[in-house]
Full PDB file with SEQRES, HELIX, SHEET, SSBOND, CRYST1, ORIGX, SCALE, CONECT and MASTER records, all heavy atoms in Angstrom:
SEQRES   1 A   30  LEU GLN LEU ALA ALA PHE ALA PHE GLY THR ILE GLY TRP          
SEQRES   2 A   30  ILE LEU CYS ILE ILE SER MET GLY LEU VAL GLU TRP ARG          
SEQRES   3 A   30  VAL TRP HIS VAL                                              
HELIX    1 AA1 GLN A    2  GLY A   21  1                                  20    
CRYST1    1.000    1.000    1.000  90.00  90.00  90.00 P 1           1          
ORIGX1      1.000000  0.000000  0.000000        0.00000                         
ORIGX2      0.000000  1.000000  0.000000        0.00000                         
ORIGX3      0.000000  0.000000  1.000000        0.00000                         
SCALE1      1.000000  0.000000  0.000000        0.00000                         
SCALE2      0.000000  1.000000  0.000000        0.00000                         
SCALE3      0.000000  0.000000  1.000000        0.00000                         
ATOM      1  N   LEU A   1      -9.774 -25.022  -2.407  1.00  0.00           N  
ATOM      2  CA  LEU A   1      -8.658 -24.095  -2.580  1.00  0.00           C  
ATOM      3  C   LEU A   1      -9.156 -22.688  -2.892  1.00  0.00           C  
ATOM      4  O   LEU A   1      -8.547 -21.694  -2.485  1.00  0.00           O  
ATOM      5  CB  LEU A   1      -7.732 -24.579  -3.693  1.00  0.00           C  
ATOM      6  CG  LEU A   1      -6.786 -25.725  -3.355  1.00  0.00           C  
ATOM      7  CD1 LEU A   1      -5.962 -26.097  -4.567  1.00  0.00           C  
ATOM      8  CD2 LEU A   1      -5.873 -25.357  -2.194  1.00  0.00           C  
ATOM      9  N   GLN A   2     -10.275 -22.607  -3.609  1.00  0.00           N  
ATOM     10  CA  GLN A   2     -10.809 -21.290  -3.952  1.00  0.00           C  
ATOM     11  C   GLN A   2     -11.432 -20.611  -2.728  1.00  0.00           C  
ATOM     12  O   GLN A   2     -11.418 -19.391  -2.618  1.00  0.00           O  
ATOM     13  CB  GLN A   2     -11.833 -21.426  -5.082  1.00  0.00           C  
ATOM     14  CG  GLN A   2     -11.202 -21.697  -6.444  1.00  0.00           C  
ATOM     15  CD  GLN A   2     -10.492 -23.037  -6.506  1.00  0.00           C  
ATOM     16  OE1 GLN A   2     -11.041 -24.054  -6.098  1.00  0.00           O  
ATOM     17  NE2 GLN A   2      -9.272 -23.042  -7.001  1.00  0.00           N  
ATOM     18  N   LEU A   3     -11.980 -21.411  -1.818  1.00  0.00           N  
ATOM     19  CA  LEU A   3     -12.436 -20.843  -0.545  1.00  0.00           C  
ATOM     20  C   LEU A   3     -11.247 -20.295   0.238  1.00  0.00           C  
ATOM     21  O   LEU A   3     -11.324 -19.222   0.844  1.00  0.00           O  
ATOM     22  CB  LEU A   3     -13.163 -21.907   0.281  1.00  0.00           C  
ATOM     23  CG  LEU A   3     -14.599 -22.247  -0.131  1.00  0.00           C  
ATOM     24  CD1 LEU A   3     -15.103 -23.458   0.650  1.00  0.00           C  
ATOM     25  CD2 LEU A   3     -15.513 -21.042   0.101  1.00  0.00           C  
ATOM     26  N   ALA A   4     -10.134 -21.054   0.205  1.00  0.00           N  
ATOM     27  CA  ALA A   4      -8.914 -20.574   0.844  1.00  0.00           C  
ATOM     28  C   ALA A   4      -8.409 -19.310   0.158  1.00  0.00           C  
ATOM     29  O   ALA A   4      -7.905 -18.392   0.819  1.00  0.00           O  
ATOM     30  CB  ALA A   4      -7.847 -21.661   0.813  1.00  0.00           C  
ATOM     31  N   ALA A   5      -8.544 -19.252  -1.170  1.00  0.00           N  
ATOM     32  CA  ALA A   5      -8.127 -18.063  -1.914  1.00  0.00           C  
ATOM     33  C   ALA A   5      -8.897 -16.840  -1.436  1.00  0.00           C  
ATOM     34  O   ALA A   5      -8.324 -15.760  -1.256  1.00  0.00           O  
ATOM     35  CB  ALA A   5      -8.335 -18.276  -3.412  1.00  0.00           C  
ATOM     36  N   PHE A   6     -10.200 -16.999  -1.245  1.00  0.00           N  
ATOM     37  CA  PHE A   6     -11.009 -15.875  -0.772  1.00  0.00           C  
ATOM     38  C   PHE A   6     -10.601 -15.465   0.647  1.00  0.00           C  
ATOM     39  O   PHE A   6     -10.480 -14.275   0.955  1.00  0.00           O  
ATOM     40  CB  PHE A   6     -12.488 -16.237  -0.803  1.00  0.00           C  
ATOM     41  CG  PHE A   6     -13.384 -15.186  -0.214  1.00  0.00           C  
ATOM     42  CD1 PHE A   6     -13.580 -13.978  -0.866  1.00  0.00           C  
ATOM     43  CD2 PHE A   6     -14.013 -15.389   1.008  1.00  0.00           C  
ATOM     44  CE1 PHE A   6     -14.390 -12.998  -0.326  1.00  0.00           C  
ATOM     45  CE2 PHE A   6     -14.828 -14.420   1.556  1.00  0.00           C  
ATOM     46  CZ  PHE A   6     -15.030 -13.220   0.887  1.00  0.00           C  
ATOM     47  N   ALA A   7     -10.355 -16.464   1.519  1.00  0.00           N  
ATOM     48  CA  ALA A   7      -9.966 -16.167   2.899  1.00  0.00           C  
ATOM     49  C   ALA A   7      -8.609 -15.460   2.940  1.00  0.00           C  
ATOM     50  O   ALA A   7      -8.451 -14.420   3.607  1.00  0.00           O  
ATOM     51  CB  ALA A   7      -9.920 -17.450   3.723  1.00  0.00           C  
ATOM     52  N   PHE A   8      -7.617 -16.008   2.225  1.00  0.00           N  
ATOM     53  CA  PHE A   8      -6.290 -15.397   2.203  1.00  0.00           C  
ATOM     54  C   PHE A   8      -6.331 -14.014   1.557  1.00  0.00           C  
ATOM     55  O   PHE A   8      -5.645 -13.085   1.993  1.00  0.00           O  
ATOM     56  CB  PHE A   8      -5.298 -16.284   1.461  1.00  0.00           C  
ATOM     57  CG  PHE A   8      -4.932 -17.536   2.192  1.00  0.00           C  
ATOM     58  CD1 PHE A   8      -4.400 -18.627   1.521  1.00  0.00           C  
ATOM     59  CD2 PHE A   8      -5.124 -17.646   3.559  1.00  0.00           C  
ATOM     60  CE1 PHE A   8      -4.066 -19.783   2.196  1.00  0.00           C  
ATOM     61  CE2 PHE A   8      -4.803 -18.799   4.248  1.00  0.00           C  
ATOM     62  CZ  PHE A   8      -4.274 -19.873   3.569  1.00  0.00           C  
ATOM     63  N   GLY A   9      -7.129 -13.896   0.484  1.00  0.00           N  
ATOM     64  CA  GLY A   9      -7.240 -12.604  -0.185  1.00  0.00           C  
ATOM     65  C   GLY A   9      -7.845 -11.543   0.713  1.00  0.00           C  
ATOM     66  O   GLY A   9      -7.408 -10.386   0.713  1.00  0.00           O  
ATOM     67  N   THR A  10      -8.853 -11.937   1.487  1.00  0.00           N  
ATOM     68  CA  THR A  10      -9.484 -10.983   2.401  1.00  0.00           C  
ATOM     69  C   THR A  10      -8.512 -10.539   3.483  1.00  0.00           C  
ATOM     70  O   THR A  10      -8.387  -9.335   3.778  1.00  0.00           O  
ATOM     71  CB  THR A  10     -10.726 -11.617   3.062  1.00  0.00           C  
ATOM     72  OG1 THR A  10     -11.641 -12.021   2.043  1.00  0.00           O  
ATOM     73  CG2 THR A  10     -11.403 -10.636   3.995  1.00  0.00           C  
ATOM     74  N   ILE A  11      -7.788 -11.496   4.075  1.00  0.00           N  
ATOM     75  CA  ILE A  11      -6.807 -11.149   5.110  1.00  0.00           C  
ATOM     76  C   ILE A  11      -5.689 -10.294   4.527  1.00  0.00           C  
ATOM     77  O   ILE A  11      -5.261  -9.299   5.122  1.00  0.00           O  
ATOM     78  CB  ILE A  11      -6.245 -12.420   5.762  1.00  0.00           C  
ATOM     79  CG1 ILE A  11      -7.353 -13.205   6.471  1.00  0.00           C  
ATOM     80  CG2 ILE A  11      -5.136 -12.075   6.761  1.00  0.00           C  
ATOM     81  CD1 ILE A  11      -6.921 -14.563   6.972  1.00  0.00           C  
ATOM     82  N   GLY A  12      -5.195 -10.684   3.334  1.00  0.00           N  
ATOM     83  CA  GLY A  12      -4.142  -9.905   2.689  1.00  0.00           C  
ATOM     84  C   GLY A  12      -4.579  -8.496   2.368  1.00  0.00           C  
ATOM     85  O   GLY A  12      -3.802  -7.538   2.526  1.00  0.00           O  
ATOM     86  N   TRP A  13      -5.828  -8.342   1.940  1.00  0.00           N  
ATOM     87  CA  TRP A  13      -6.374  -7.012   1.628  1.00  0.00           C  
ATOM     88  C   TRP A  13      -6.460  -6.154   2.893  1.00  0.00           C  
ATOM     89  O   TRP A  13      -6.113  -4.964   2.878  1.00  0.00           O  
ATOM     90  CB  TRP A  13      -7.742  -7.177   0.991  1.00  0.00           C  
ATOM     91  CG  TRP A  13      -8.422  -5.907   0.597  1.00  0.00           C  
ATOM     92  CD1 TRP A  13      -8.116  -5.092  -0.458  1.00  0.00           C  
ATOM     93  CD2 TRP A  13      -9.531  -5.294   1.255  1.00  0.00           C  
ATOM     94  NE1 TRP A  13      -8.966  -4.014  -0.504  1.00  0.00           N  
ATOM     95  CE2 TRP A  13      -9.853  -4.114   0.543  1.00  0.00           C  
ATOM     96  CE3 TRP A  13     -10.295  -5.626   2.368  1.00  0.00           C  
ATOM     97  CZ2 TRP A  13     -10.882  -3.273   0.914  1.00  0.00           C  
ATOM     98  CZ3 TRP A  13     -11.339  -4.790   2.741  1.00  0.00           C  
ATOM     99  CH2 TRP A  13     -11.624  -3.629   2.027  1.00  0.00           C  
ATOM    100  N   ILE A  14      -6.907  -6.751   3.988  1.00  0.00           N  
ATOM    101  CA  ILE A  14      -6.986  -6.017   5.264  1.00  0.00           C  
ATOM    102  C   ILE A  14      -5.595  -5.594   5.730  1.00  0.00           C  
ATOM    103  O   ILE A  14      -5.382  -4.457   6.168  1.00  0.00           O  
ATOM    104  CB  ILE A  14      -7.685  -6.883   6.332  1.00  0.00           C  
ATOM    105  CG1 ILE A  14      -9.160  -7.085   5.971  1.00  0.00           C  
ATOM    106  CG2 ILE A  14      -7.570  -6.235   7.717  1.00  0.00           C  
ATOM    107  CD1 ILE A  14      -9.888  -8.070   6.864  1.00  0.00           C  
ATOM    108  N   LEU A  15      -4.619  -6.504   5.616  1.00  0.00           N  
ATOM    109  CA  LEU A  15      -3.250  -6.175   6.019  1.00  0.00           C  
ATOM    110  C   LEU A  15      -2.655  -5.081   5.127  1.00  0.00           C  
ATOM    111  O   LEU A  15      -1.856  -4.259   5.594  1.00  0.00           O  
ATOM    112  CB  LEU A  15      -2.375  -7.427   5.971  1.00  0.00           C  
ATOM    113  CG  LEU A  15      -2.675  -8.490   7.031  1.00  0.00           C  
ATOM    114  CD1 LEU A  15      -1.766  -9.693   6.845  1.00  0.00           C  
ATOM    115  CD2 LEU A  15      -2.514  -7.921   8.435  1.00  0.00           C  
ATOM    116  N   CYS A  16      -3.045  -5.066   3.854  1.00  0.00           N  
ATOM    117  CA  CYS A  16      -2.603  -3.991   2.955  1.00  0.00           C  
ATOM    118  C   CYS A  16      -3.083  -2.639   3.455  1.00  0.00           C  
ATOM    119  O   CYS A  16      -2.317  -1.671   3.494  1.00  0.00           O  
ATOM    120  CB  CYS A  16      -3.118  -4.265   1.540  1.00  0.00           C  
ATOM    121  SG  CYS A  16      -2.972  -2.880   0.395  1.00  0.00           S  
ATOM    122  N   ILE A  17      -4.344  -2.567   3.857  1.00  0.00           N  
ATOM    123  CA  ILE A  17      -4.901  -1.312   4.376  1.00  0.00           C  
ATOM    124  C   ILE A  17      -4.209  -0.917   5.672  1.00  0.00           C  
ATOM    125  O   ILE A  17      -3.891   0.264   5.897  1.00  0.00           O  
ATOM    126  CB  ILE A  17      -6.414  -1.456   4.588  1.00  0.00           C  
ATOM    127  CG1 ILE A  17      -7.118  -1.688   3.247  1.00  0.00           C  
ATOM    128  CG2 ILE A  17      -6.987  -0.218   5.277  1.00  0.00           C  
ATOM    129  CD1 ILE A  17      -8.596  -1.967   3.362  1.00  0.00           C  
ATOM    130  N   ILE A  18      -3.954  -1.915   6.547  1.00  0.00           N  
ATOM    131  CA  ILE A  18      -3.266  -1.626   7.810  1.00  0.00           C  
ATOM    132  C   ILE A  18      -1.865  -1.088   7.549  1.00  0.00           C  
ATOM    133  O   ILE A  18      -1.437  -0.095   8.150  1.00  0.00           O  
ATOM    134  CB  ILE A  18      -3.207  -2.890   8.680  1.00  0.00           C  
ATOM    135  CG1 ILE A  18      -4.612  -3.280   9.153  1.00  0.00           C  
ATOM    136  CG2 ILE A  18      -2.292  -2.685   9.888  1.00  0.00           C  
ATOM    137  CD1 ILE A  18      -4.669  -4.595   9.902  1.00  0.00           C  
ATOM    138  N   SER A  19      -1.145  -1.744   6.650  1.00  0.00           N  
ATOM    139  CA  SER A  19       0.214  -1.305   6.319  1.00  0.00           C  
ATOM    140  C   SER A  19       0.216   0.108   5.751  1.00  0.00           C  
ATOM    141  O   SER A  19       1.079   0.929   6.086  1.00  0.00           O  
ATOM    142  CB  SER A  19       0.836  -2.278   5.313  1.00  0.00           C  
ATOM    143  OG  SER A  19       2.115  -1.847   4.911  1.00  0.00           O  
ATOM    144  N   MET A  20      -0.759   0.402   4.900  1.00  0.00           N  
ATOM    145  CA  MET A  20      -0.843   1.728   4.297  1.00  0.00           C  
ATOM    146  C   MET A  20      -1.098   2.809   5.348  1.00  0.00           C  
ATOM    147  O   MET A  20      -0.601   3.927   5.241  1.00  0.00           O  
ATOM    148  CB  MET A  20      -1.958   1.736   3.243  1.00  0.00           C  
ATOM    149  CG  MET A  20      -2.110   3.052   2.500  1.00  0.00           C  
ATOM    150  SD  MET A  20      -3.246   2.909   1.102  1.00  0.00           S  
ATOM    151  CE  MET A  20      -4.725   2.300   1.893  1.00  0.00           C  
ATOM    152  N   GLY A  21      -1.871   2.479   6.384  1.00  0.00           N  
ATOM    153  CA  GLY A  21      -2.211   3.471   7.392  1.00  0.00           C  
ATOM    154  C   GLY A  21      -1.176   3.649   8.476  1.00  0.00           C  
ATOM    155  O   GLY A  21      -1.170   4.674   9.176  1.00  0.00           O  
ATOM    156  N   LEU A  22      -0.285   2.658   8.651  1.00  0.00           N  
ATOM    157  CA  LEU A  22       0.728   2.760   9.703  1.00  0.00           C  
ATOM    158  C   LEU A  22       1.780   3.810   9.351  1.00  0.00           C  
ATOM    159  O   LEU A  22       2.180   3.938   8.189  1.00  0.00           O  
ATOM    160  CB  LEU A  22       1.409   1.407   9.907  1.00  0.00           C  
ATOM    161  CG  LEU A  22       0.588   0.311  10.593  1.00  0.00           C  
ATOM    162  CD1 LEU A  22       1.358  -1.001  10.578  1.00  0.00           C  
ATOM    163  CD2 LEU A  22       0.245   0.710  12.013  1.00  0.00           C  
ATOM    164  N   VAL A  23       2.246   4.523  10.364  1.00  0.00           N  
ATOM    165  CA  VAL A  23       3.297   5.520  10.145  1.00  0.00           C  
ATOM    166  C   VAL A  23       4.675   4.893  10.337  1.00  0.00           C  
ATOM    167  O   VAL A  23       5.689   5.470   9.935  1.00  0.00           O  
ATOM    168  CB  VAL A  23       3.118   6.723  11.105  1.00  0.00           C  
ATOM    169  CG1 VAL A  23       3.470   6.347  12.534  1.00  0.00           C  
ATOM    170  CG2 VAL A  23       3.952   7.919  10.647  1.00  0.00           C  
ATOM    171  N   GLU A  24       4.743   3.697  10.921  1.00  0.00           N  
ATOM    172  CA  GLU A  24       6.033   3.072  11.228  1.00  0.00           C  
ATOM    173  C   GLU A  24       6.582   2.283  10.046  1.00  0.00           C  
ATOM    174  O   GLU A  24       6.736   1.065  10.116  1.00  0.00           O  
ATOM    175  CB  GLU A  24       5.913   2.163  12.456  1.00  0.00           C  
ATOM    176  CG  GLU A  24       5.542   2.857  13.737  1.00  0.00           C  
ATOM    177  CD  GLU A  24       4.029   2.907  13.929  1.00  0.00           C  
ATOM    178  OE1 GLU A  24       3.306   2.474  13.000  1.00  0.00           O  
ATOM    179  OE2 GLU A  24       3.588   3.373  14.987  1.00  0.00           O  
ATOM    180  N   TRP A  25       6.886   2.979   8.954  1.00  0.00           N  
ATOM    181  CA  TRP A  25       7.579   2.332   7.845  1.00  0.00           C  
ATOM    182  C   TRP A  25       9.079   2.324   8.111  1.00  0.00           C  
ATOM    183  O   TRP A  25       9.743   1.322   7.900  1.00  0.00           O  
ATOM    184  CB  TRP A  25       7.273   3.056   6.527  1.00  0.00           C  
ATOM    185  CG  TRP A  25       5.962   2.651   5.931  1.00  0.00           C  
ATOM    186  CD1 TRP A  25       4.716   2.909   6.432  1.00  0.00           C  
ATOM    187  CD2 TRP A  25       5.754   1.880   4.745  1.00  0.00           C  
ATOM    188  NE1 TRP A  25       3.753   2.369   5.634  1.00  0.00           N  
ATOM    189  CE2 TRP A  25       4.356   1.737   4.582  1.00  0.00           C  
ATOM    190  CE3 TRP A  25       6.611   1.320   3.796  1.00  0.00           C  
ATOM    191  CZ2 TRP A  25       3.802   1.031   3.507  1.00  0.00           C  
ATOM    192  CZ3 TRP A  25       6.063   0.627   2.720  1.00  0.00           C  
ATOM    193  CH2 TRP A  25       4.668   0.479   2.589  1.00  0.00           C  
ATOM    194  N   ARG A  26       9.583   3.449   8.547  1.00  0.00           N  
ATOM    195  CA  ARG A  26      10.998   3.549   8.922  1.00  0.00           C  
ATOM    196  C   ARG A  26      11.080   4.175  10.309  1.00  0.00           C  
ATOM    197  O   ARG A  26      10.391   5.162  10.591  1.00  0.00           O  
ATOM    198  CB  ARG A  26      11.780   4.419   7.934  1.00  0.00           C  
ATOM    199  CG  ARG A  26      11.594   4.051   6.468  1.00  0.00           C  
ATOM    200  CD  ARG A  26      12.515   4.893   5.609  1.00  0.00           C  
ATOM    201  NE  ARG A  26      12.124   4.859   4.203  1.00  0.00           N  
ATOM    202  CZ  ARG A  26      12.791   5.471   3.229  1.00  0.00           C  
ATOM    203  NH1 ARG A  26      13.871   6.175   3.516  1.00  0.00           N  
ATOM    204  NH2 ARG A  26      12.365   5.404   1.969  1.00  0.00           N  
ATOM    205  N   VAL A  27      11.909   3.617  11.137  1.00  0.00           N  
ATOM    206  CA  VAL A  27      12.121   4.153  12.481  1.00  0.00           C  
ATOM    207  C   VAL A  27      13.498   4.804  12.515  1.00  0.00           C  
ATOM    208  O   VAL A  27      14.514   4.122  12.362  1.00  0.00           O  
ATOM    209  CB  VAL A  27      12.017   3.040  13.550  1.00  0.00           C  
ATOM    210  CG1 VAL A  27      12.226   3.633  14.950  1.00  0.00           C  
ATOM    211  CG2 VAL A  27      10.664   2.347  13.466  1.00  0.00           C  
ATOM    212  N   TRP A  28      13.520   6.126  12.699  1.00  0.00           N  
ATOM    213  CA  TRP A  28      14.757   6.888  12.717  1.00  0.00           C  
ATOM    214  C   TRP A  28      15.189   7.182  14.146  1.00  0.00           C  
ATOM    215  O   TRP A  28      14.381   7.632  14.961  1.00  0.00           O  
ATOM    216  CB  TRP A  28      14.573   8.215  11.967  1.00  0.00           C  
ATOM    217  CG  TRP A  28      14.697   8.102  10.480  1.00  0.00           C  
ATOM    218  CD1 TRP A  28      14.396   7.028   9.710  1.00  0.00           C  
ATOM    219  CD2 TRP A  28      15.154   9.119   9.583  1.00  0.00           C  
ATOM    220  NE1 TRP A  28      14.624   7.302   8.380  1.00  0.00           N  
ATOM    221  CE2 TRP A  28      15.084   8.574   8.274  1.00  0.00           C  
ATOM    222  CE3 TRP A  28      15.584  10.431   9.746  1.00  0.00           C  
ATOM    223  CZ2 TRP A  28      15.453   9.299   7.147  1.00  0.00           C  
ATOM    224  CZ3 TRP A  28      15.952  11.157   8.619  1.00  0.00           C  
ATOM    225  CH2 TRP A  28      15.901  10.601   7.331  1.00  0.00           C  
ATOM    226  N   HIS A  29      16.462   6.962  14.425  1.00  0.00           N  
ATOM    227  CA  HIS A  29      17.061   7.370  15.696  1.00  0.00           C  
ATOM    228  C   HIS A  29      17.923   8.607  15.409  1.00  0.00           C  
ATOM    229  O   HIS A  29      18.838   8.550  14.579  1.00  0.00           O  
ATOM    230  CB  HIS A  29      17.919   6.243  16.272  1.00  0.00           C  
ATOM    231  CG  HIS A  29      17.135   4.999  16.568  1.00  0.00           C  
ATOM    232  ND1 HIS A  29      16.553   4.759  17.792  1.00  0.00           N  
ATOM    233  CD2 HIS A  29      16.818   3.923  15.784  1.00  0.00           C  
ATOM    234  CE1 HIS A  29      15.921   3.601  17.765  1.00  0.00           C  
ATOM    235  NE2 HIS A  29      16.061   3.067  16.553  1.00  0.00           N  
ATOM    236  N   VAL A  30      17.613   9.698  16.074  1.00  0.00           N  
ATOM    237  CA  VAL A  30      18.265  10.973  15.776  1.00  0.00           C  
ATOM    238  C   VAL A  30      18.965  11.524  17.017  1.00  0.00           C  
ATOM    239  O   VAL A  30      18.652  11.159  18.158  1.00  0.00           O  
ATOM    240  CB  VAL A  30      17.239  11.999  15.251  1.00  0.00           C  
ATOM    241  CG1 VAL A  30      16.594  11.492  13.970  1.00  0.00           C  
ATOM    242  CG2 VAL A  30      16.180  12.297  16.291  1.00  0.00           C  
TER     243      VAL A  30                                                      
MASTER        0    0    0    1    0    0    0    6  242    1    0    3          
END                                                                             
């Protein structure tokens, strides 16, 4: 389970960085 914790934590950390860098948080139609 701790190996899984490291794997999930690494993927979650990478996705956090991706989310932070994306500009598409809100999509506005104007």
